[in-house]
């Protein structure tokens, strides 16, 4: 049911988003150690949802496994980002912290987002006004599309 809800959310959401936590599923057999063979049906369903939502698993720092019970280790906890998130906030990584009070590792999301200060200084050299193509260059860049889906224009 969660996979269907995420696919539905993806179909109506056009902004950057991510989802994460304990999915109780793995994407491949290498995300587990110990125990019996993994459920390939469960992996297939999980991977189909990831593909249908255009979600991406970014790299992580820390232990390969985020959950443990006895001799069974799995990476059940992860963060999934849509491509719009990674295109606009491309310096995002995930850290698997040490387990303390739970059988799950907490996840720390590091976002390096540089917000440009609106009070920054604008410098203009008057010599540009002497160039015959100056106003054409400004007009072309003012109206240029900067984003692949044409949702962001030059000086907006």
Protein backbone atom coordinates (compact mmCIF):
# COMPACT_ATOMS: atom_id res chain seq x y z
CA UNK A 1 0.00 0.00 0.00
CA UNK A 2 2.89 2.40 0.78
CA UNK A 3 4.42 1.84 -2.66
CA UNK A 4 1.11 2.77 -4.33
CA UNK A 5 0.79 5.90 -2.18
CA UNK A 6 4.33 7.02 -3.07
CA UNK A 7 3.68 6.43 -6.78
CA UNK A 8 0.47 8.46 -6.50
CA UNK A 9 2.31 11.24 -4.66
CA UNK A 10 4.99 11.28 -7.37
CA UNK A 11 2.34 11.67 -10.07
CA UNK A 12 0.96 14.87 -8.53
CA UNK A 13 4.17 16.40 -7.12
CA UNK A 14 6.50 18.44 -9.32
CA UNK A 15 8.70 19.97 -6.63
CA UNK A 16 11.87 18.58 -5.04
CA UNK A 17 11.07 15.92 -2.43
CA UNK A 18 12.53 12.94 -0.63
CA UNK A 19 11.27 10.11 1.52
CA UNK A 20 13.16 8.00 3.99
CA UNK A 21 13.14 5.79 7.00
CA UNK A 22 12.58 2.10 7.68
CA UNK A 23 11.16 0.66 4.46
CA UNK A 24 11.42 -2.90 5.80
CA UNK A 25 12.68 -3.89 2.33
CA UNK A 26 16.01 -4.08 0.55
CA UNK A 27 16.89 -3.28 -3.06
CA UNK A 28 19.35 -6.14 -3.63
CA UNK A 29 20.75 -9.24 -1.84
CA UNK A 30 23.98 -7.40 -0.92
CA UNK A 31 22.00 -5.23 1.52
CA UNK A 32 21.76 -8.13 3.96
CA UNK A 33 24.06 -10.53 5.72
CA UNK A 34 23.05 -13.74 7.45
CA UNK A 35 19.68 -15.43 7.64
CA UNK A 36 17.84 -17.18 4.83
CA UNK A 37 17.63 -15.98 1.23
CA UNK A 38 15.91 -12.62 0.75
CA UNK A 39 12.45 -12.30 -0.76
CA UNK A 40 13.00 -11.49 -4.43
CA UNK A 41 9.33 -10.51 -4.78
CA UNK A 42 9.73 -7.91 -2.03
CA UNK A 43 12.91 -6.54 -3.65
CA UNK A 44 11.20 -6.38 -7.05
CA UNK A 45 8.18 -4.50 -5.64
CA UNK A 46 10.43 -2.03 -3.82
CA UNK A 47 12.63 -1.45 -6.89
CA UNK A 48 9.57 -1.01 -9.13
CA UNK A 49 8.31 1.75 -6.83
CA UNK A 50 11.74 3.44 -6.85
CA UNK A 51 11.79 3.36 -10.66
CA UNK A 52 8.18 4.49 -11.03
CA UNK A 53 8.85 7.52 -8.81
CA UNK A 54 12.22 8.34 -10.42
CA UNK A 55 13.80 8.13 -6.99
CA UNK A 56 17.53 7.87 -6.42
CA UNK A 57 19.46 6.33 -3.55
CA UNK A 58 22.37 8.65 -2.83
CA UNK A 59 25.58 7.44 -1.29
CA UNK A 60 26.02 7.15 2.46
CA UNK A 61 28.73 7.21 5.08
CA UNK A 62 28.78 4.67 7.88
CA UNK A 63 27.95 1.04 8.42
CA UNK A 64 26.53 -0.82 5.41
CA UNK A 65 23.68 -2.21 7.50
CA UNK A 66 21.15 -0.15 9.46
CA UNK A 67 19.25 -2.92 11.25
CA UNK A 68 20.30 -5.98 13.21
CA UNK A 69 18.69 -8.91 14.98
CA UNK A 70 20.94 -11.72 16.12
CA UNK A 71 23.06 -12.86 13.16
CA UNK A 72 20.88 -11.06 10.59
CA UNK A 73 21.98 -7.64 9.30
CA UNK A 74 20.06 -5.56 6.73
CA UNK A 75 20.01 -2.09 5.23
CA UNK A 76 16.33 -1.39 5.83
CA UNK A 77 16.68 2.35 6.47
CA UNK A 78 17.48 4.63 3.57
CA UNK A 79 16.70 7.96 1.98
CA UNK A 80 15.27 8.26 -1.54
CA UNK A 81 15.47 11.58 -3.41
CA UNK A 82 13.68 12.58 -6.59
CA UNK A 83 15.73 13.93 -9.49
CA UNK A 84 14.28 17.41 -8.99
CA UNK A 85 15.77 17.45 -5.47
CA UNK A 86 19.19 16.38 -6.69
CA UNK A 87 19.10 18.88 -9.58
CA UNK A 88 18.35 21.79 -7.26
CA UNK A 89 20.16 20.67 -4.09
CA UNK A 90 22.88 18.45 -5.51
CA UNK A 91 25.12 18.33 -2.45
CA UNK A 92 23.11 15.95 -0.29
CA UNK A 93 24.46 12.89 1.49
CA UNK A 94 23.29 10.50 4.17
CA UNK A 95 25.15 9.32 7.23
CA UNK A 96 24.32 6.09 9.07
CA UNK A 97 24.84 6.89 12.75
CA UNK A 98 25.59 4.38 15.50
CA UNK A 99 22.69 2.44 16.95
CA UNK A 100 22.08 3.27 20.62
CA UNK A 101 18.47 2.84 21.76
CA UNK A 102 16.99 0.95 18.83
CA UNK A 103 17.78 -1.97 16.55
CA UNK A 104 17.82 0.62 13.71
CA UNK A 105 20.55 3.12 12.93
CA UNK A 106 19.43 6.74 12.86
CA UNK A 107 20.00 8.49 9.53
CA UNK A 108 21.46 11.98 9.31
CA UNK A 109 20.82 13.97 6.13
CA UNK A 110 23.52 16.50 5.27
CA UNK A 111 22.32 19.21 2.93
CA UNK A 112 24.82 21.73 1.64
CA UNK A 113 22.51 24.37 0.25
CA UNK A 114 23.99 27.73 -0.48
CA UNK A 115 21.39 30.43 -0.22
CA UNK A 116 22.55 33.50 -2.05
CA UNK A 117 22.36 36.60 0.04
CA UNK A 118 19.90 39.08 -1.47
CA UNK A 119 22.02 41.91 -0.12
CA UNK A 120 25.07 40.98 -2.17
CA UNK A 121 26.77 43.76 -4.07
CA UNK A 122 26.03 44.24 -7.72
CA UNK A 123 28.97 45.55 -9.70
CA UNK A 124 28.53 47.06 -13.14
CA UNK A 125 31.14 48.62 -15.35
CA UNK A 126 29.91 51.47 -17.54
CA UNK A 127 32.21 50.38 -20.37
CA UNK A 128 29.69 47.62 -21.23
CA UNK A 129 27.25 50.30 -22.39
CA UNK A 130 29.70 51.13 -25.19
CA UNK A 131 29.46 47.62 -26.65
CA UNK A 132 26.90 47.52 -29.53
CA UNK A 133 25.57 44.06 -28.56
CA UNK A 134 25.21 44.78 -24.83
CA UNK A 135 21.41 45.24 -24.76
CA UNK A 136 20.85 42.17 -26.97
CA UNK A 137 22.94 40.02 -24.62
CA UNK A 138 21.06 41.29 -21.56
CA UNK A 139 17.66 40.71 -23.18
CA UNK A 140 18.56 37.17 -24.32
CA UNK A 141 19.80 36.18 -20.88
CA UNK A 142 16.90 37.89 -19.12
CA UNK A 143 14.43 35.67 -20.99
CA UNK A 144 16.51 32.47 -21.20
CA UNK A 145 15.20 29.17 -19.81
CA UNK A 146 17.52 27.92 -17.10
CA UNK A 147 15.80 24.70 -16.09
CA UNK A 148 15.20 21.60 -18.20
CA UNK A 149 11.42 21.75 -17.81
CA UNK A 150 11.41 25.50 -18.67
CA UNK A 151 9.97 26.35 -15.24
CA UNK A 152 12.74 28.82 -14.37
CA UNK A 153 13.61 31.78 -16.50
CA UNK A 154 16.86 33.78 -16.55
CA UNK A 155 16.35 36.70 -14.20
CA UNK A 156 13.45 35.24 -12.23
